[in-house]
Amino acid sequence: MEKELWGKELWTQSEVAEYFRVVPATIKNWRDQGLLSYWQAPGSSRVLFYRDEVINFRDKHTIGKKGGEKPKAEIKRVKPYVSPAKKAWRI
């Protein structure tokens, strides 16, 4: 299967799912989130993925070995806003 797959420029959703060892619905979710680009002929329901795009996606989302360089997500910390009390509390 793998040799046949590498020879193709366009992969089906099922082939991409098999490559990543996930269900096809996961590939659809990645596609809907804009993580994985695809090609679809006008008027067709068939979705195809370019081999090079799949490889780029794999390389971009591969995490290095333990102790190696990991992709760093930028975290923006914002101090929460607390509105001033208008009335005194009573017990």
C-alpha atoms as a PDB file:
ATOM      1  CA  MET A   1       0.000   0.000   0.000  1.00  0.00           C
ATOM      2  CA  GLU A   2       2.702   2.488   0.992  1.00  0.00           C
ATOM      3  CA  LYS A   3       4.654   2.274  -2.283  1.00  0.00           C
ATOM      4  CA  GLU A   4       1.466   2.750  -4.285  1.00  0.00           C
ATOM      5  CA  LEU A   5       0.504   5.728  -2.127  1.00  0.00           C
ATOM      6  CA  TRP A   6       3.856   7.542  -2.488  1.00  0.00           C
ATOM      7  CA  GLY A   7       3.626   7.343  -6.267  1.00  0.00           C
ATOM      8  CA  LYS A   8       0.351   9.261  -6.318  1.00  0.00           C
ATOM      9  CA  GLU A   9       0.256  13.058  -6.275  1.00  0.00           C
ATOM     10  CA  LEU A  10      -3.338  13.223  -4.995  1.00  0.00           C
ATOM     11  CA  TRP A  11      -4.581  11.185  -2.023  1.00  0.00           C
ATOM     12  CA  THR A  12      -8.167  10.485  -1.012  1.00  0.00           C
ATOM     13  CA  GLN A  13      -9.425  11.259   2.475  1.00  0.00           C
ATOM     14  CA  SER A  14      -9.327   7.541   3.311  1.00  0.00           C
ATOM     15  CA  GLU A  15      -5.712   7.257   2.170  1.00  0.00           C
ATOM     16  CA  VAL A  16      -4.678  10.245   4.284  1.00  0.00           C
ATOM     17  CA  ALA A  17      -6.535   8.757   7.261  1.00  0.00           C
ATOM     18  CA  GLU A  18      -4.768   5.440   6.768  1.00  0.00           C
ATOM     19  CA  TYR A  19      -1.410   7.207   6.506  1.00  0.00           C
ATOM     20  CA  PHE A  20      -1.954   8.991   9.855  1.00  0.00           C
ATOM     21  CA  ARG A  21      -3.697   5.933  11.383  1.00  0.00           C
ATOM     22  CA  VAL A  22      -6.855   7.850  12.230  1.00  0.00           C
ATOM     23  CA  VAL A  23     -10.471   7.619  11.104  1.00  0.00           C
ATOM     24  CA  PRO A  24     -11.536   9.650   8.034  1.00  0.00           C
ATOM     25  CA  ALA A  25     -13.677  11.908  10.259  1.00  0.00           C
ATOM     26  CA  THR A  26     -10.479  13.179  11.900  1.00  0.00           C
ATOM     27  CA  ILE A  27      -9.127  14.204   8.503  1.00  0.00           C
ATOM     28  CA  LYS A  28     -12.407  16.012   7.811  1.00  0.00           C
ATOM     29  CA  ASN A  29     -12.094  17.843  11.138  1.00  0.00           C
ATOM     30  CA  TRP A  30      -8.528  18.907  10.308  1.00  0.00           C
ATOM     31  CA  ARG A  31      -9.744  20.075   6.902  1.00  0.00           C
ATOM     32  CA  ASP A  32     -12.650  22.039   8.417  1.00  0.00           C
ATOM     33  CA  GLN A  33     -10.283  23.672  10.937  1.00  0.00           C
ATOM     34  CA  GLY A  34      -8.026  24.781   8.091  1.00  0.00           C
ATOM     35  CA  LEU A  35      -5.113  22.625   9.261  1.00  0.00           C
ATOM     36  CA  LEU A  36      -4.931  20.514   6.118  1.00  0.00           C
ATOM     37  CA  SER A  37      -5.422  22.004   2.662  1.00  0.00           C
ATOM     38  CA  TYR A  38      -7.297  20.078  -0.022  1.00  0.00           C
ATOM     39  CA  TRP A  39      -8.572  20.212  -3.584  1.00  0.00           C
ATOM     40  CA  GLN A  40     -12.138  19.630  -4.717  1.00  0.00           C
ATOM     41  CA  ALA A  41     -13.352  19.712  -8.303  1.00  0.00           C
ATOM     42  CA  PRO A  42     -16.254  22.117  -8.894  1.00  0.00           C
ATOM     43  CA  GLY A  43     -19.558  20.289  -8.526  1.00  0.00           C
ATOM     44  CA  SER A  44     -17.938  17.209  -7.015  1.00  0.00           C
ATOM     45  CA  SER A  45     -18.202  15.888  -3.478  1.00  0.00           C
ATOM     46  CA  ARG A  46     -14.850  14.110  -3.722  1.00  0.00           C
ATOM     47  CA  VAL A  47     -12.068  15.724  -1.731  1.00  0.00           C
ATOM     48  CA  LEU A  48      -8.417  15.119  -2.634  1.00  0.00           C
ATOM     49  CA  PHE A  49      -5.226  16.036  -0.807  1.00  0.00           C
ATOM     50  CA  TYR A  50      -1.850  16.800  -2.372  1.00  0.00           C
ATOM     51  CA  ARG A  51       0.903  14.452  -1.171  1.00  0.00           C
ATOM     52  CA  ASP A  52       3.308  17.349  -0.553  1.00  0.00           C
ATOM     53  CA  GLU A  53       0.711  19.188   1.566  1.00  0.00           C
ATOM     54  CA  VAL A  54       0.160  16.060   3.682  1.00  0.00           C
ATOM     55  CA  ILE A  55       3.931  15.697   4.191  1.00  0.00           C
ATOM     56  CA  ASN A  56       4.234  19.406   5.113  1.00  0.00           C
ATOM     57  CA  PHE A  57       1.366  18.990   7.588  1.00  0.00           C
ATOM     58  CA  ARG A  58       3.101  15.968   9.126  1.00  0.00           C
ATOM     59  CA  ASP A  59       6.427  17.795   9.428  1.00  0.00           C
ATOM     60  CA  LYS A  60       4.821  20.913  10.885  1.00  0.00           C
ATOM     61  CA  HIS A  61       2.962  18.978  13.584  1.00  0.00           C
ATOM     62  CA  THR A  62       5.689  16.486  14.512  1.00  0.00           C
ATOM     63  CA  ILE A  63       6.982  16.926  18.041  1.00  0.00           C
ATOM     64  CA  GLY A  64      10.673  16.219  18.615  1.00  0.00           C
ATOM     65  CA  LYS A  65      12.113  13.481  20.773  1.00  0.00           C
ATOM     66  CA  LYS A  66      12.075  13.783  24.541  1.00  0.00           C
ATOM     67  CA  GLY A  67      14.396  16.608  25.530  1.00  0.00           C
ATOM     68  CA  GLY A  68      14.428  17.916  21.981  1.00  0.00           C
ATOM     69  CA  GLU A  69      13.049  21.148  20.639  1.00  0.00           C
ATOM     70  CA  LYS A  70       9.269  21.362  20.868  1.00  0.00           C
ATOM     71  CA  PRO A  71       7.072  23.838  19.048  1.00  0.00           C
ATOM     72  CA  LYS A  72       6.266  26.702  21.395  1.00  0.00           C
ATOM     73  CA  ALA A  73       2.740  28.029  21.521  1.00  0.00           C
ATOM     74  CA  GLU A  74       2.485  31.706  22.262  1.00  0.00           C
ATOM     75  CA  ILE A  75       0.413  32.268  25.379  1.00  0.00           C
ATOM     76  CA  LYS A  76      -0.933  35.725  25.995  1.00  0.00           C
ATOM     77  CA  ARG A  77      -1.635  36.344  29.652  1.00  0.00           C
ATOM     78  CA  VAL A  78      -4.114  39.061  30.513  1.00  0.00           C
ATOM     79  CA  LYS A  79      -4.963  40.159  34.034  1.00  0.00           C
ATOM     80  CA  PRO A  80      -8.703  39.670  34.637  1.00  0.00           C
ATOM     81  CA  TYR A  81     -10.814  42.775  35.038  1.00  0.00           C
ATOM     82  CA  VAL A  82     -12.853  43.119  38.245  1.00  0.00           C
ATOM     83  CA  SER A  83     -15.513  45.796  38.266  1.00  0.00           C
ATOM     84  CA  PRO A  84     -15.619  48.037  41.322  1.00  0.00           C
ATOM     85  CA  ALA A  85     -18.313  47.273  43.903  1.00  0.00           C
ATOM     86  CA  LYS A  86     -21.205  49.759  43.812  1.00  0.00           C
ATOM     87  CA  LYS A  87     -22.927  48.716  47.026  1.00  0.00           C
ATOM     88  CA  ALA A  88     -21.604  47.603  50.365  1.00  0.00           C
ATOM     89  CA  TRP A  89     -22.253  43.982  51.189  1.00  0.00           C
ATOM     90  CA  ARG A  90     -24.563  43.188  54.087  1.00  0.00           C
ATOM     91  CA  ILE A  91     -24.883  40.033  56.063  1.00  0.00           C
END
